[in-house]
């Protein structure tokens, strides 16, 4: 699961959370933190807020690719080696 686990409407941080059984999500990795990691918004707009929106993910080859919109202005991708997601780490 890739989402923004915050207690408000913030769209950061962007976090990958994994589960072995699909019920207990007990392992998490920070993909993007927000703050200085997030570029400034260039254009104001209705329903816009800073952050990482609409995350989608796919495993292809030896990597997990996560795409997302940053500030609803740019499309970005984070690439994570599957070996970095080992349960033994």
N, C-alpha and C. Protein backbone atom coordinates (compact mmCIF):
# COMPACT_ATOMS: atom_id res chain seq x y z
N UNK A 1 0.85 -1.16 0.00
CA UNK A 1 0.00 0.00 0.00
C UNK A 1 0.91 1.24 0.00
N UNK A 2 0.60 2.18 -0.87
CA UNK A 2 1.32 3.45 -0.90
C UNK A 2 0.30 4.54 -0.62
N UNK A 3 0.58 5.34 0.42
CA UNK A 3 -0.37 6.40 0.77
C UNK A 3 0.31 7.50 1.58
N UNK A 4 -0.51 8.41 2.07
CA UNK A 4 -0.06 9.54 2.89
C UNK A 4 -0.64 9.38 4.29
N UNK A 5 0.04 8.69 5.18
CA UNK A 5 -0.52 8.45 6.51
C UNK A 5 -0.38 9.67 7.43
N UNK A 6 -1.32 10.57 7.33
CA UNK A 6 -1.32 11.74 8.21
C UNK A 6 -2.70 11.85 8.85
N UNK A 7 -2.79 12.59 9.92
CA UNK A 7 -4.05 12.73 10.63
C UNK A 7 -4.88 13.89 10.12
N UNK A 8 -4.47 14.48 9.00
CA UNK A 8 -5.20 15.60 8.44
C UNK A 8 -5.22 15.45 6.92
N UNK A 9 -5.45 16.51 6.19
CA UNK A 9 -5.55 16.43 4.73
C UNK A 9 -4.21 16.60 4.03
N UNK A 10 -3.12 16.60 4.78
CA UNK A 10 -1.80 16.70 4.16
C UNK A 10 -1.56 15.52 3.22
N UNK A 11 -0.84 15.77 2.15
CA UNK A 11 -0.49 14.74 1.18
C UNK A 11 0.98 14.37 1.32
N UNK A 12 1.48 14.41 2.51
CA UNK A 12 2.84 13.97 2.82
C UNK A 12 2.85 13.50 4.26
N UNK A 13 3.73 12.60 4.59
CA UNK A 13 4.75 11.95 3.78
C UNK A 13 4.13 10.92 2.83
N UNK A 14 4.94 10.44 1.90
CA UNK A 14 4.54 9.36 1.00
C UNK A 14 5.22 8.10 1.52
N UNK A 15 4.42 7.10 1.88
CA UNK A 15 4.94 5.92 2.58
C UNK A 15 4.48 4.64 1.88
N UNK A 16 5.39 3.69 1.80
CA UNK A 16 5.10 2.34 1.33
C UNK A 16 4.93 1.46 2.56
N UNK A 17 3.81 0.76 2.66
CA UNK A 17 3.55 -0.14 3.78
C UNK A 17 3.25 -1.52 3.22
N UNK A 18 3.90 -2.55 3.79
CA UNK A 18 3.74 -3.92 3.29
C UNK A 18 3.12 -4.83 4.33
N UNK A 19 2.46 -5.86 3.82
CA UNK A 19 1.82 -6.87 4.66
C UNK A 19 2.07 -8.24 4.04
N UNK A 20 2.26 -9.22 4.86
CA UNK A 20 2.40 -10.59 4.37
C UNK A 20 1.05 -11.20 4.06
N UNK A 21 0.03 -10.89 4.89
CA UNK A 21 -1.28 -11.52 4.74
C UNK A 21 -2.37 -10.59 4.21
N UNK A 22 -2.07 -9.33 4.01
CA UNK A 22 -3.07 -8.38 3.52
C UNK A 22 -3.94 -7.78 4.60
N UNK A 23 -3.70 -8.16 5.86
CA UNK A 23 -4.48 -7.62 6.98
C UNK A 23 -3.61 -6.81 7.93
N UNK A 24 -2.46 -7.35 8.28
CA UNK A 24 -1.55 -6.68 9.21
C UNK A 24 -0.41 -6.05 8.39
N UNK A 25 -0.43 -4.73 8.29
CA UNK A 25 0.61 -4.01 7.57
C UNK A 25 1.65 -3.59 8.60
N UNK A 26 2.74 -4.34 8.68
CA UNK A 26 3.70 -4.19 9.77
C UNK A 26 5.09 -3.74 9.35
N UNK A 27 5.27 -3.40 8.08
CA UNK A 27 6.56 -2.91 7.61
C UNK A 27 6.33 -1.69 6.75
N UNK A 28 7.09 -0.61 7.02
CA UNK A 28 6.86 0.64 6.29
C UNK A 28 8.18 1.29 5.92
N UNK A 29 8.18 1.96 4.76
CA UNK A 29 9.35 2.70 4.27
C UNK A 29 8.90 4.09 3.84
N UNK A 30 9.66 5.08 4.23
CA UNK A 30 9.41 6.46 3.83
C UNK A 30 9.96 6.67 2.43
N UNK A 31 9.10 7.01 1.48
CA UNK A 31 9.53 7.28 0.11
C UNK A 31 9.85 8.75 -0.09
N UNK A 32 8.96 9.62 0.35
CA UNK A 32 9.16 11.07 0.26
C UNK A 32 8.64 11.68 1.55
N UNK A 33 9.41 12.60 2.13
CA UNK A 33 9.06 13.10 3.46
C UNK A 33 8.25 14.39 3.46
N UNK A 34 8.27 15.14 2.39
CA UNK A 34 7.69 16.48 2.43
C UNK A 34 8.75 17.44 2.94
N UNK A 35 8.35 18.58 3.48
CA UNK A 35 9.33 19.54 4.00
C UNK A 35 10.28 20.00 2.90
N UNK A 36 11.58 19.94 3.18
CA UNK A 36 12.57 20.38 2.19
C UNK A 36 12.66 19.42 1.00
N UNK A 37 12.07 18.22 1.15
CA UNK A 37 12.05 17.23 0.06
C UNK A 37 11.00 17.60 -0.99
N UNK A 38 10.10 18.51 -0.67
CA UNK A 38 8.98 18.88 -1.54
C UNK A 38 9.22 20.24 -2.16
N UNK A 39 9.24 20.29 -3.48
CA UNK A 39 9.46 21.58 -4.14
C UNK A 39 8.28 22.51 -3.89
N UNK A 40 8.50 23.82 -3.96
CA UNK A 40 7.40 24.77 -3.74
C UNK A 40 6.35 24.67 -4.84
N UNK A 41 5.12 24.96 -4.47
CA UNK A 41 4.03 24.99 -5.45
C UNK A 41 4.22 26.21 -6.35
N UNK A 42 4.11 26.00 -7.65
CA UNK A 42 4.32 27.09 -8.61
C UNK A 42 3.05 27.89 -8.91
N UNK A 43 1.90 27.21 -8.87
CA UNK A 43 0.65 27.85 -9.26
C UNK A 43 -0.42 27.58 -8.22
N UNK A 44 -1.16 28.60 -7.87
CA UNK A 44 -2.29 28.42 -6.97
C UNK A 44 -3.45 27.82 -7.76
N UNK A 45 -4.36 27.17 -7.06
CA UNK A 45 -5.51 26.60 -7.76
C UNK A 45 -6.52 26.05 -6.77
N UNK A 46 -7.72 25.92 -7.23
CA UNK A 46 -8.79 25.39 -6.41
C UNK A 46 -8.51 23.92 -6.10
N UNK A 47 -8.68 23.53 -4.87
CA UNK A 47 -8.48 22.16 -4.39
C UNK A 47 -7.02 21.70 -4.45
N UNK A 48 -6.09 22.62 -4.60
CA UNK A 48 -4.68 22.25 -4.61
C UNK A 48 -4.10 22.41 -3.22
N UNK A 49 -3.21 21.50 -2.88
CA UNK A 49 -2.45 21.60 -1.64
C UNK A 49 -1.11 20.94 -1.88
N UNK A 50 -0.11 21.34 -1.13
CA UNK A 50 1.22 20.74 -1.32
C UNK A 50 1.20 19.25 -0.97
N UNK A 51 1.99 18.49 -1.70
CA UNK A 51 2.14 17.09 -1.34
C UNK A 51 2.18 16.16 -2.53
N UNK A 52 2.12 14.88 -2.19
CA UNK A 52 2.23 13.78 -3.16
C UNK A 52 0.87 13.12 -3.30
N UNK A 53 0.22 13.33 -4.44
CA UNK A 53 -1.15 12.88 -4.65
C UNK A 53 -1.21 11.75 -5.67
N UNK A 54 -2.30 11.01 -5.61
CA UNK A 54 -2.63 9.97 -6.59
C UNK A 54 -1.53 8.92 -6.77
N UNK A 55 -0.97 8.38 -5.69
CA UNK A 55 0.11 7.40 -5.87
C UNK A 55 -0.40 6.10 -6.51
N UNK A 56 0.39 5.57 -7.40
CA UNK A 56 0.14 4.28 -8.05
C UNK A 56 1.45 3.52 -8.04
N UNK A 57 1.40 2.20 -7.97
CA UNK A 57 2.63 1.42 -7.92
C UNK A 57 2.52 0.18 -8.79
N UNK A 58 3.68 -0.27 -9.26
CA UNK A 58 3.76 -1.49 -10.07
C UNK A 58 5.14 -2.11 -9.85
N UNK A 59 5.17 -3.43 -9.80
CA UNK A 59 6.44 -4.15 -9.76
C UNK A 59 6.77 -4.54 -11.19
N UNK A 60 7.99 -4.17 -11.60
CA UNK A 60 8.44 -4.51 -12.95
C UNK A 60 9.91 -4.88 -12.86
N UNK A 61 10.23 -6.09 -13.28
CA UNK A 61 11.61 -6.54 -13.18
C UNK A 61 11.99 -6.66 -11.71
N UNK A 62 13.10 -6.07 -11.34
CA UNK A 62 13.62 -6.16 -9.98
C UNK A 62 13.33 -4.91 -9.15
N UNK A 63 12.32 -4.12 -9.59
CA UNK A 63 12.04 -2.84 -8.91
C UNK A 63 10.55 -2.64 -8.68
N UNK A 64 10.26 -1.87 -7.64
CA UNK A 64 8.93 -1.33 -7.42
C UNK A 64 8.96 0.12 -7.91
N UNK A 65 8.07 0.46 -8.80
CA UNK A 65 7.96 1.84 -9.30
C UNK A 65 6.72 2.47 -8.69
N UNK A 66 6.88 3.64 -8.10
CA UNK A 66 5.76 4.37 -7.51
C UNK A 66 5.68 5.71 -8.23
N UNK A 67 4.54 5.96 -8.86
CA UNK A 67 4.33 7.26 -9.52
C UNK A 67 3.34 8.07 -8.69
N UNK A 68 3.46 9.39 -8.78
CA UNK A 68 2.60 10.27 -8.01
C UNK A 68 2.68 11.67 -8.59
N UNK A 69 1.66 12.46 -8.32
CA UNK A 69 1.67 13.87 -8.71
C UNK A 69 2.20 14.68 -7.54
N UNK A 70 3.13 15.58 -7.81
CA UNK A 70 3.67 16.45 -6.77
C UNK A 70 3.02 17.81 -6.89
N UNK A 71 2.32 18.22 -5.83
CA UNK A 71 1.60 19.50 -5.80
C UNK A 71 0.55 19.61 -6.90
N UNK A 72 0.12 18.49 -7.46
CA UNK A 72 -0.81 18.45 -8.59
C UNK A 72 -0.27 19.23 -9.79
N UNK A 73 1.07 19.29 -9.91
CA UNK A 73 1.71 20.02 -11.00
C UNK A 73 2.67 19.15 -11.79
N UNK A 74 3.34 18.25 -11.13
CA UNK A 74 4.37 17.43 -11.77
C UNK A 74 4.09 15.95 -11.51
N UNK A 75 4.50 15.12 -12.44
CA UNK A 75 4.44 13.67 -12.25
C UNK A 75 5.85 13.20 -11.95
N UNK A 76 6.00 12.44 -10.88
CA UNK A 76 7.31 11.94 -10.48
C UNK A 76 7.24 10.44 -10.24
N UNK A 77 8.40 9.81 -10.22
CA UNK A 77 8.51 8.37 -10.00
C UNK A 77 9.61 8.12 -8.98
N UNK A 78 9.32 7.23 -8.05
CA UNK A 78 10.35 6.71 -7.15
C UNK A 78 10.55 5.24 -7.50
N UNK A 79 11.80 4.81 -7.60
CA UNK A 79 12.13 3.43 -7.94
C UNK A 79 12.82 2.79 -6.75
N UNK A 80 12.28 1.67 -6.29
CA UNK A 80 12.81 0.99 -5.11
C UNK A 80 13.23 -0.42 -5.51
N UNK A 81 14.49 -0.80 -5.27
CA UNK A 81 14.89 -2.19 -5.54
C UNK A 81 14.12 -3.14 -4.63
N UNK A 82 13.60 -4.22 -5.19
CA UNK A 82 12.85 -5.18 -4.39
C UNK A 82 13.70 -5.78 -3.28
N UNK A 83 15.00 -5.87 -3.50
CA UNK A 83 15.88 -6.42 -2.47
C UNK A 83 15.90 -5.53 -1.22
N UNK A 84 15.60 -4.24 -1.37
CA UNK A 84 15.57 -3.33 -0.23
C UNK A 84 14.33 -3.54 0.64
N UNK A 85 13.37 -4.31 0.13
CA UNK A 85 12.12 -4.54 0.85
C UNK A 85 12.09 -5.89 1.53
N UNK A 86 13.22 -6.52 1.65
CA UNK A 86 13.31 -7.84 2.27
C UNK A 86 12.86 -7.78 3.72
N UNK A 87 12.12 -8.80 4.14
CA UNK A 87 11.64 -8.88 5.52
C UNK A 87 12.79 -9.09 6.50
N UNK A 88 13.92 -9.58 6.01
CA UNK A 88 15.06 -9.87 6.88
C UNK A 88 15.88 -8.63 7.22
N UNK A 89 15.57 -7.47 6.61
CA UNK A 89 16.37 -6.28 6.83
C UNK A 89 16.04 -5.63 8.14
